[in-house]
Protein backbone atom coordinates (compact mmCIF):
# COMPACT_ATOMS: atom_id res chain seq x y z
CA MET A 1 26.49 32.67 2.15
CA HIS A 2 22.88 32.83 3.24
CA ALA A 3 20.29 30.63 1.57
CA HIS A 4 18.61 33.58 -0.13
CA GLU A 5 21.78 34.96 -1.75
CA ARG A 6 23.25 34.29 -5.21
CA ALA A 7 26.94 33.34 -5.29
CA ASP A 8 27.55 35.56 -8.30
CA GLY A 9 25.59 38.51 -6.91
CA PHE A 10 23.37 38.69 -9.99
CA GLY A 11 19.85 37.54 -10.87
CA PRO A 12 16.83 37.00 -8.65
CA PRO A 13 17.43 35.54 -5.21
CA ARG A 14 17.09 31.80 -4.88
CA SER A 15 15.23 30.09 -2.09
CA GLN A 16 16.81 27.63 0.29
CA GLU A 17 14.86 24.84 -1.43
CA GLU A 18 16.31 25.79 -4.83
CA LEU A 19 19.86 25.83 -3.45
CA LEU A 20 19.38 22.50 -1.72
CA THR A 21 17.98 21.00 -4.92
CA GLU A 22 21.04 22.17 -6.85
CA VAL A 23 23.37 20.71 -4.21
CA ALA A 24 21.46 17.42 -4.18
CA ARG A 25 21.59 17.10 -7.96
CA THR A 26 25.34 17.77 -7.97
CA LEU A 27 25.93 15.11 -5.31
CA GLU A 28 23.62 12.68 -7.12
CA SER A 29 25.49 13.13 -10.42
CA ALA A 30 28.69 12.31 -8.54
CA GLY A 31 27.20 8.99 -7.41
CA VAL A 32 26.51 9.92 -3.79
CA SER A 33 23.83 7.73 -2.17
CA GLY A 34 20.41 9.04 -1.12
CA ASP A 35 20.99 8.68 2.61
CA ILE A 36 24.20 10.73 2.43
CA ILE A 37 22.44 13.40 0.37
CA GLY A 38 19.72 13.58 3.04
CA LYS A 39 22.28 14.06 5.78
CA VAL A 40 24.02 16.81 3.78
CA GLU A 41 20.70 18.61 3.27
CA ALA A 42 19.90 18.42 6.99
CA THR A 43 23.34 19.80 7.87
CA LEU A 44 23.01 22.66 5.39
CA LYS A 45 19.62 23.59 6.82
CA ALA A 46 20.92 23.53 10.36
CA ASN A 47 24.02 25.57 9.46
CA GLY A 48 22.76 27.81 6.70
CA GLY A 49 24.24 31.05 8.04
CA GLY A 50 21.14 31.73 10.07
CA ALA A 51 18.72 31.50 7.15
CA PRO A 52 15.50 30.02 8.49
CA THR A 53 13.59 27.30 6.70
CA THR A 54 10.03 27.99 5.65
CA SER A 55 7.62 26.99 8.39
CA VAL A 56 4.85 24.53 7.67
CA SER A 57 2.20 27.18 8.26
CA GLU A 58 3.76 29.32 5.51
CA SER A 59 3.48 26.62 2.85
CA LYS A 60 2.24 27.94 -0.50
CA LEU A 61 0.52 24.65 -1.32
CA ALA A 62 -3.28 24.68 -1.31
CA MET A 63 -3.69 22.62 1.84
CA SER A 64 -6.03 22.88 4.78
CA GLU A 65 -4.80 23.50 8.30
CA ASN A 66 -5.61 19.89 9.15
CA ALA A 67 -3.61 18.61 6.18
CA LEU A 68 -0.60 20.69 7.16
CA HIS A 69 -0.85 19.46 10.75
CA ILE A 70 -0.90 15.80 9.65
CA LEU A 71 2.03 16.42 7.31
CA GLU A 72 4.07 17.87 10.13
CA GLN A 73 3.15 15.15 12.60
CA ARG A 74 3.66 12.13 10.33
CA TYR A 75 5.46 12.90 7.09
CA LEU A 76 7.95 15.74 7.36
CA ARG A 77 11.47 14.83 8.39
CA LYS A 78 12.67 15.54 11.92
CA ASP A 79 16.09 16.03 13.44
CA ALA A 80 17.43 14.09 16.41
CA GLU A 81 15.58 16.40 18.80
CA GLY A 82 12.27 15.94 17.01
CA ASN A 83 12.27 19.36 15.35
CA THR A 84 10.76 19.56 11.87
CA ILE A 85 13.50 20.16 9.30
CA GLU A 86 11.43 19.89 6.13
CA THR A 87 8.61 21.90 4.56
CA PRO A 88 5.81 20.33 2.49
CA GLU A 89 7.48 21.69 -0.66
CA GLU A 90 10.77 20.09 0.35
CA LEU A 91 9.05 16.79 1.09
CA PHE A 92 7.68 16.67 -2.45
CA ARG A 93 11.08 17.66 -3.85
CA ARG A 94 12.75 14.89 -1.85
CA VAL A 95 10.28 12.30 -3.11
CA SER A 96 10.31 13.44 -6.74
CA ARG A 97 14.10 13.46 -6.79
CA ALA A 98 14.29 9.94 -5.36
CA ILE A 99 11.69 8.49 -7.76
CA ALA A 100 13.38 10.16 -10.75
CA LEU A 101 16.39 7.92 -10.06
CA GLY A 102 14.42 5.25 -11.92
CA GLU A 103 15.11 7.18 -15.14
CA GLN A 104 18.24 7.28 -17.27
CA PRO A 105 20.78 9.75 -15.79
CA ALA A 106 20.38 12.28 -18.61
CA GLN A 107 16.60 12.41 -18.04
CA ARG A 108 16.47 12.49 -14.25
CA ALA A 109 16.34 16.26 -13.82
CA VAL A 110 13.49 16.52 -16.33
CA TRP A 111 11.46 13.80 -14.67
CA GLU A 112 12.23 15.12 -11.20
CA ASP A 113 10.56 18.38 -12.14
CA ARG A 114 7.61 16.61 -13.77
CA PHE A 115 7.10 14.44 -10.70
CA HIS A 116 7.44 17.49 -8.46
CA ASP A 117 4.76 19.31 -10.44
CA LEU A 118 2.59 16.21 -10.21
CA LEU A 119 2.86 15.95 -6.43
CA THR A 120 2.53 19.65 -5.65
CA SER A 121 -0.62 19.82 -7.79
CA LEU A 122 -2.12 17.44 -5.18
CA LYS A 123 -3.92 15.66 -8.01
CA PHE A 124 -1.99 12.49 -7.14
CA LEU A 125 -0.31 11.15 -4.03
CA PRO A 126 1.64 7.90 -3.55
CA ASN A 127 1.15 5.60 -0.57
CA SER A 128 2.51 6.80 2.76
CA PRO A 129 5.75 4.75 2.89
CA THR A 130 6.89 6.45 -0.32
CA LEU A 131 6.33 9.84 1.32
CA PHE A 132 7.92 8.65 4.57
CA ASN A 133 11.04 7.03 3.16
CA ALA A 134 11.86 8.11 -0.41
CA GLY A 135 15.16 9.97 -0.51
CA THR A 136 16.08 9.15 3.09
CA GLY A 137 18.08 6.00 2.34
CA GLN A 138 15.98 4.09 4.85
CA GLY A 139 13.04 1.73 4.58
CA THR A 140 10.78 0.47 1.87
CA LEU A 141 8.50 2.54 -0.37
CA SER A 142 5.70 -0.05 -0.60
CA ALA A 143 2.51 -0.03 1.46
CA CYS A 144 1.28 -3.57 0.80
CA PHE A 145 2.85 -6.98 1.28
CA VAL A 146 1.61 -10.55 1.43
CA LEU A 147 3.71 -13.08 3.33
CA PRO A 148 3.27 -16.86 3.14
CA VAL A 149 2.51 -18.79 6.32
CA ASP A 150 3.04 -22.50 5.80
CA ASP A 151 2.56 -25.32 8.27
CA THR A 152 6.05 -25.30 9.79
CA MET A 153 7.62 -23.48 12.70
CA GLU A 154 10.30 -22.17 10.35
CA SER A 155 7.72 -20.59 8.01
CA ILE A 156 5.70 -19.07 10.85
CA MET A 157 8.72 -17.47 12.49
CA SER A 158 10.14 -16.36 9.14
CA ALA A 159 6.86 -14.56 8.48
CA ALA A 160 7.05 -12.95 11.93
CA THR A 161 10.59 -11.68 11.32
CA ALA A 162 9.81 -10.32 7.86
CA SER A 163 6.61 -8.67 9.08
CA ALA A 164 8.47 -6.86 11.85
CA MET A 165 10.94 -5.37 9.37
CA ILE A 166 8.19 -4.41 6.93
CA GLN A 167 5.99 -2.74 9.54
CA LYS A 168 8.99 -0.95 11.02
CA PHE A 169 9.09 1.20 7.89
CA GLY A 170 5.37 1.64 7.30
CA GLY A 171 4.26 -1.40 5.28
CA GLY A 172 1.07 -3.37 5.90
CA LEU A 173 0.78 -7.16 5.78
CA GLY A 174 -1.63 -9.73 4.44
CA TYR A 175 -1.52 -13.40 5.46
CA ALA A 176 -3.38 -16.55 4.44
CA PHE A 177 -3.55 -19.02 7.32
CA SER A 178 -5.44 -21.67 5.38
CA ASN A 179 -2.54 -24.16 5.18
CA LEU A 180 -2.05 -24.36 8.95
CA ARG A 181 -3.32 -27.52 10.65
CA PRO A 182 -6.16 -26.92 13.14
CA ARG A 183 -5.66 -26.44 16.86
CA GLY A 184 -4.99 -29.67 18.76
CA THR A 185 -3.66 -31.63 15.79
CA ALA A 186 -0.67 -33.82 16.66
CA ILE A 187 2.85 -32.63 15.81
CA LYS A 188 5.04 -35.59 14.92
CA THR A 189 8.43 -33.97 15.62
CA THR A 190 7.64 -32.83 19.17
CA GLN A 191 4.80 -35.17 20.18
CA GLY A 192 2.89 -32.00 21.04
CA LYS A 193 -0.27 -30.36 19.73
CA ALA A 194 -0.61 -27.62 17.10
CA CYS A 195 -1.72 -24.18 18.25
CA GLY A 196 -3.77 -23.54 15.09
CA PRO A 197 -4.18 -20.55 12.76
CA ILE A 198 -6.03 -18.29 15.21
CA ALA A 199 -3.20 -18.55 17.73
CA VAL A 200 -0.67 -17.72 15.01
CA LEU A 201 -2.76 -14.70 13.98
CA LYS A 202 -2.88 -13.49 17.58
CA MET A 203 0.89 -13.86 17.88
CA LEU A 204 1.40 -11.73 14.75
CA SER A 205 -1.10 -9.22 16.14
CA SER A 206 0.89 -8.90 19.36
CA LEU A 207 4.06 -8.43 17.33
CA SER A 208 2.37 -5.71 15.30
CA ASP A 209 1.27 -3.96 18.50
CA MET A 210 4.92 -3.63 19.52
CA ILE A 211 5.87 -1.88 16.29
CA THR A 212 4.80 1.61 15.32
CA GLN A 213 5.13 1.82 11.57
CA GLY A 214 7.99 4.10 10.60
CA GLY A 215 7.60 5.65 14.06
CA LYS A 216 4.42 7.27 12.75
CA ARG A 217 1.41 4.91 12.81
CA HIS A 218 0.25 1.54 14.08
CA GLY A 219 0.52 -1.65 12.08
CA ALA A 220 -2.20 -2.84 9.70
CA ASN A 221 -2.83 -6.46 8.79
CA MET A 222 -5.17 -8.79 6.91
CA GLY A 223 -5.78 -12.39 7.98
CA ILE A 224 -7.61 -14.78 5.66
CA LEU A 225 -8.87 -18.31 6.39
CA HIS A 226 -10.49 -20.67 3.90
CA VAL A 227 -14.14 -21.44 4.48
CA SER A 228 -13.41 -25.18 4.59
CA HIS A 229 -10.88 -24.93 7.44
CA PRO A 230 -11.89 -26.76 10.66
CA GLU A 231 -11.40 -23.58 12.75
CA ILE A 232 -13.59 -21.44 10.53
CA MET A 233 -16.38 -20.96 13.07
CA ASP A 234 -14.00 -19.72 15.78
CA PHE A 235 -12.33 -17.51 13.18
CA ILE A 236 -15.66 -15.93 12.20
CA HIS A 237 -16.36 -14.95 15.81
CA MET A 238 -12.77 -14.17 16.84
CA LYS A 239 -13.32 -10.40 16.93
CA ASP A 240 -16.84 -10.37 18.37
CA ASP A 241 -15.48 -9.04 21.67
CA ASN A 242 -14.20 -5.85 19.98
CA ALA A 243 -10.88 -6.41 21.75
CA THR A 244 -9.07 -9.27 20.03
CA ALA A 245 -6.63 -8.55 17.18
CA GLN A 246 -7.82 -4.99 16.60
CA ASN A 247 -4.89 -4.35 14.25
CA PHE A 248 -6.17 -7.10 11.93
CA ASN A 249 -8.89 -7.11 9.34
CA VAL A 250 -10.06 -10.68 8.89
CA SER A 251 -11.83 -12.25 5.93
CA VAL A 252 -13.20 -15.66 5.02
CA ALA A 253 -11.99 -17.03 1.68
CA VAL A 254 -15.23 -18.22 0.10
CA THR A 255 -15.39 -20.32 -3.05
CA ASP A 256 -17.92 -20.72 -5.85
CA ALA A 257 -18.75 -24.16 -4.43
CA PHE A 258 -19.52 -22.70 -1.01
CA MET A 259 -21.82 -20.03 -2.44
CA LYS A 260 -23.70 -22.70 -4.41
CA ALA A 261 -24.02 -24.76 -1.23
CA VAL A 262 -25.50 -21.74 0.54
CA ASP A 263 -27.93 -21.17 -2.32
CA LYS A 264 -29.04 -24.81 -2.33
CA ASP A 265 -29.03 -25.17 1.48
CA GLU A 266 -26.49 -28.00 1.36
CA GLU A 267 -24.03 -29.38 3.89
CA TRP A 268 -20.45 -28.10 3.89
CA GLU A 269 -17.38 -30.13 4.80
CA LEU A 270 -14.61 -28.84 7.07
CA ILE A 271 -11.32 -30.43 6.01
CA VAL A 272 -7.84 -30.60 7.51
CA PRO A 273 -5.76 -28.62 4.99
CA VAL A 274 -4.34 -30.85 2.29
CA ASP A 275 -1.09 -28.88 2.22
CA SER A 276 -0.56 -29.03 5.98
CA GLY A 277 1.89 -31.39 7.58
CA ALA A 278 -0.82 -33.13 9.58
CA ARG A 279 -1.04 -36.92 9.45
CA ASN A 280 -4.76 -36.63 8.68
CA ALA A 281 -4.36 -33.96 5.99
CA GLY A 282 -7.37 -34.00 3.66
CA GLU A 283 -9.66 -35.65 6.20
CA VAL A 284 -13.21 -34.36 6.67
CA VAL A 285 -13.54 -33.66 10.41
CA GLN A 286 -16.93 -31.95 10.53
CA THR A 287 -19.96 -31.19 8.38
CA LEU A 288 -22.15 -28.11 8.87
CA PRO A 289 -25.03 -26.54 6.96
CA ALA A 290 -23.52 -24.01 4.57
CA ARG A 291 -26.23 -21.53 5.50
CA GLN A 292 -25.25 -21.75 9.17
CA ILE A 293 -21.71 -20.68 8.29
CA TRP A 294 -23.09 -17.95 6.02
CA ASN A 295 -25.50 -16.61 8.63
CA GLU A 296 -22.80 -16.46 11.28
CA ILE A 297 -20.51 -14.55 8.91
CA VAL A 298 -23.31 -12.05 8.33
CA GLU A 299 -24.12 -11.76 12.04
CA SER A 300 -20.53 -11.09 13.11
CA ALA A 301 -19.94 -8.68 10.23
CA TRP A 302 -23.05 -6.77 11.29
CA LYS A 303 -21.84 -6.61 14.90
CA THR A 304 -18.22 -5.61 14.38
CA GLY A 305 -17.43 -5.19 10.67
CA ASP A 306 -15.50 -8.48 10.67
CA PRO A 307 -15.14 -10.88 9.01
CA GLY A 308 -15.15 -9.69 5.45
CA MET A 309 -15.38 -12.05 2.51
CA TYR A 310 -12.66 -12.76 -0.04
CA PHE A 311 -14.09 -14.35 -3.17
CA ILE A 312 -10.97 -16.35 -3.85
CA ASP A 313 -12.10 -18.13 -7.02
CA GLU A 314 -13.16 -14.85 -8.62
CA ALA A 315 -9.82 -13.25 -7.69
CA ASN A 316 -7.87 -16.07 -9.28
CA ARG A 317 -9.93 -15.93 -12.45
CA HIS A 318 -8.32 -12.51 -12.94
CA ASN A 319 -4.84 -13.56 -11.80
CA PRO A 320 -2.46 -12.14 -14.45
CA THR A 321 0.30 -14.62 -13.56
CA PRO A 322 -1.38 -17.93 -12.60
CA HIS A 323 1.80 -19.83 -13.52
CA LEU A 324 3.50 -18.16 -10.55
CA GLY A 325 0.92 -19.15 -7.94
CA ASN A 326 -2.51 -18.47 -6.50
CA LEU A 327 -3.80 -15.22 -5.03
CA ASP A 328 -4.42 -16.59 -1.55
CA SER A 329 -4.41 -13.29 0.32
CA THR A 330 -4.72 -9.53 -0.09
CA ASN A 331 -3.21 -6.41 1.39
CA PRO A 332 -4.69 -5.10 4.69
CA CYS A 333 -7.42 -3.06 3.00
CA GLY A 334 -8.38 -5.84 0.63
CA GLU A 335 -8.11 -4.01 -2.69
CA VAL A 336 -4.97 -5.80 -3.98
CA PRO A 337 -4.77 -9.61 -4.11
CA LEU A 338 -1.11 -10.61 -4.16
CA LEU A 339 1.04 -13.70 -4.56
CA ALA A 340 3.20 -14.93 -1.70
CA ASN A 341 6.01 -12.45 -0.91
CA GLU A 342 4.71 -9.86 -3.35
CA ALA A 343 4.55 -6.15 -2.62
CA CYS A 344 2.49 -3.47 -4.31
CA ASN A 345 3.14 0.25 -4.64
CA LEU A 346 -0.06 2.27 -4.48
CA GLY A 347 -1.04 5.77 -5.51
CA SER A 348 -4.32 7.66 -5.76
CA ILE A 349 -5.64 10.22 -8.23
CA ASP A 350 -7.89 12.90 -6.70
CA LEU A 351 -10.93 12.88 -9.00
CA GLY A 352 -12.38 15.96 -7.34
CA ARG A 353 -9.67 18.02 -9.03
CA PHE A 354 -10.78 17.08 -12.56
CA VAL A 355 -14.16 18.82 -12.62
CA ILE A 356 -14.04 21.91 -14.83
CA THR A 357 -16.47 24.46 -16.21
CA GLY A 358 -17.40 23.55 -19.77
CA GLN A 359 -18.07 25.87 -22.69
CA GLY A 360 -21.75 26.06 -21.81
CA GLY A 361 -20.98 27.05 -18.24
CA ASP A 362 -21.90 23.67 -16.77
CA ALA A 363 -19.55 21.51 -14.72
CA GLU A 364 -18.02 18.60 -16.61
CA PHE A 365 -15.33 15.98 -16.07
CA ASP A 366 -11.99 16.63 -17.79
CA PHE A 367 -11.09 13.24 -19.27
CA GLU A 368 -8.25 14.68 -21.34
CA ALA A 369 -6.50 15.98 -18.21
CA LEU A 370 -7.16 12.65 -16.45
CA ALA A 371 -5.51 10.71 -19.28
CA GLU A 372 -2.52 13.06 -19.31
CA LEU A 373 -2.02 12.79 -15.57
CA THR A 374 -2.46 9.00 -15.62
CA ARG A 375 0.46 8.69 -18.04
CA ILE A 376 2.75 10.43 -15.55
CA THR A 377 1.45 8.60 -12.48
CA ALA A 378 1.83 5.18 -14.12
CA ARG A 379 5.47 5.97 -14.87
CA PHE A 380 5.96 7.35 -11.35
CA LEU A 381 4.73 4.10 -9.78
CA ASP A 382 6.87 1.96 -12.09
CA ASN A 383 9.88 4.01 -11.01
CA VAL A 384 8.96 3.33 -7.38
CA VAL A 385 9.35 -0.38 -8.13
CA THR A 386 12.75 0.28 -9.68
CA VAL A 387 14.25 2.33 -6.85
CA ASN A 388 12.62 0.41 -4.01
CA THR A 389 14.37 -1.78 -1.45
CA PHE A 390 12.87 -4.66 0.53
CA PRO A 391 13.60 -6.40 3.84
CA THR A 392 13.98 -9.93 2.44
CA GLN A 393 15.41 -11.47 -0.72
CA GLU A 394 12.18 -13.44 -1.21
CA VAL A 395 10.18 -10.21 -1.46
CA THR A 396 12.80 -8.63 -3.71
CA ASP A 397 12.63 -11.59 -6.11
CA ALA A 398 8.82 -11.76 -6.12
CA VAL A 399 8.49 -8.04 -6.88
CA ALA A 400 11.05 -8.27 -9.68
CA ARG A 401 9.04 -11.04 -11.34
CA THR A 402 5.76 -9.12 -11.58
CA ARG A 403 6.47 -5.40 -10.84
CA LYS A 404 2.89 -4.78 -9.69
CA THR A 405 1.58 -1.28 -9.12
CA GLY A 406 -1.81 -0.11 -7.93
CA LEU A 407 -3.20 3.12 -9.37
CA GLY A 408 -6.44 4.02 -7.61
CA VAL A 409 -8.64 7.01 -6.92
CA MET A 410 -9.92 9.26 -4.17
CA GLY A 411 -12.27 12.22 -4.19
CA TRP A 412 -15.02 10.42 -6.14
CA HIS A 413 -17.85 11.85 -4.07
CA ASP A 414 -16.28 15.31 -4.26
CA ALA A 415 -16.40 15.04 -8.05
CA LEU A 416 -20.03 13.90 -8.03
CA ILE A 417 -21.09 16.79 -5.79
CA GLN A 418 -19.43 19.30 -8.12
CA LEU A 419 -21.12 17.65 -11.10
CA GLY A 420 -24.51 17.56 -9.39
CA ILE A 421 -24.78 13.77 -9.75
CA GLU A 422 -26.34 11.59 -7.05
CA TYR A 423 -24.00 8.98 -5.63
CA GLU A 424 -26.40 6.03 -6.09
CA SER A 425 -27.61 7.01 -9.55
CA ASP A 426 -27.13 5.14 -12.83
CA GLU A 427 -25.40 8.25 -14.12
CA ALA A 428 -22.77 7.95 -11.38
CA VAL A 429 -22.20 4.28 -12.21
CA GLU A 430 -21.81 5.10 -15.90
CA LEU A 431 -19.40 7.95 -15.17
CA GLY A 432 -17.41 5.77 -12.77
CA GLY A 433 -17.01 3.14 -15.47
CA LYS A 434 -15.76 5.72 -17.92
CA VAL A 435 -13.35 7.22 -15.39
CA MET A 436 -11.81 3.90 -14.40
CA GLY A 437 -11.81 2.74 -18.01
CA THR A 438 -9.73 5.78 -18.94
CA ILE A 439 -7.27 5.18 -16.10
CA THR A 440 -6.99 1.45 -16.88
CA ASP A 441 -6.50 1.89 -20.62
CA VAL A 442 -3.89 4.64 -20.29
CA ALA A 443 -2.00 2.87 -17.50
CA ARG A 444 -1.80 -0.31 -19.59
CA GLU A 445 -0.55 1.67 -22.57
CA VAL A 446 2.18 3.20 -20.44
CA SER A 447 3.09 -0.24 -19.04
CA ILE A 448 3.55 -1.60 -22.55
CA GLU A 449 5.63 1.42 -23.55
CA LEU A 450 7.83 1.04 -20.47
CA ALA A 451 8.32 -2.66 -21.19
CA LYS A 452 9.57 -1.79 -24.68
CA GLU A 453 11.72 1.04 -23.35
CA ARG A 454 13.22 -0.71 -20.36
CA GLY A 455 12.96 -4.37 -21.24
């Protein structure tokens, strides 16, 4: 039977995608795993009685030529010979079906269709690893991870191993190196000298260079060092040559006390990390003017874009689970502070698609539609947490404790242009507050509802 034919000979013809969806749902209801379903789909496509799959260029989705090209190069599934075996519509069906597995069995088909409508509307997209890996039976669905790096060889190499597995399937890493003893400090067990946090960062950078994420993109990393660490000056200037650790963003963890010292033009102490294994842990080894450190941060950031600044005290004032630990690092892009071993699943709402023509004929922002869509996206991301898999038990346990998701936005400037609002205006700031307030309030409501529903 060809993909376009009906088995009973009656009714409108069904597309190959519709037939594959029916087959997948039947296999799923029988308890067949996602990776086996994916293999069955690929076999059916390759041996479908000569029925061709829809080419990427023939996609009915409202996408630009560039978007379709990127989809084909990075996101659509390939066979062993590198031939594309998935259309954009089938990609979104694969993802929606996989994420709907977070629902009760009787509700999965309903939510699969809702999630499919959500994704094909292009009003929301999850982070790339979800698009890469959902429904394939391989890899993680999360984009962001933070791994601890403590002052032992075991911890450093454990972080290296975990990072390799995470980046293999498209995840990005954040590290805090602030607990590592400075370069040249004695090591009691070997009678040698410590290599220091910058050397460890460079090692992880070299490891990242070897790994192409999910076979589709290069690794992304964040390295953070506390402003009181003895190697802070070398860290600030580490990337001045525009060659070192180019797969790392680096940021200085600055405290309230440091900012006050800068303001008052006071001296600042560089201290061997208290939590390091060094014999002189807690010792002040150097004192510098706080403004000198500040000025050199500014100078290097102006030259190269690095280092950034992580206001660590402010982040921890908003830590929702302080009893579980401190937010010592962030994801590679810096928007999500995370605890050690945590992961975060991200998704973005396209605000440019919520500008409508009002009753008076003027453009206006559709807050009702935004709230409605936010309800679905918040549930989608929570389901991602449920169906996800992780490379280490430590990450699995940390994610289970907090189940963090990150619902963000894109297309803000597109929305402002359509509304005729200047980007730097007070009106834009006010609208932005209202937009994010709507998303935050609705997402929290959904989170509470899901907690009651799922426990």
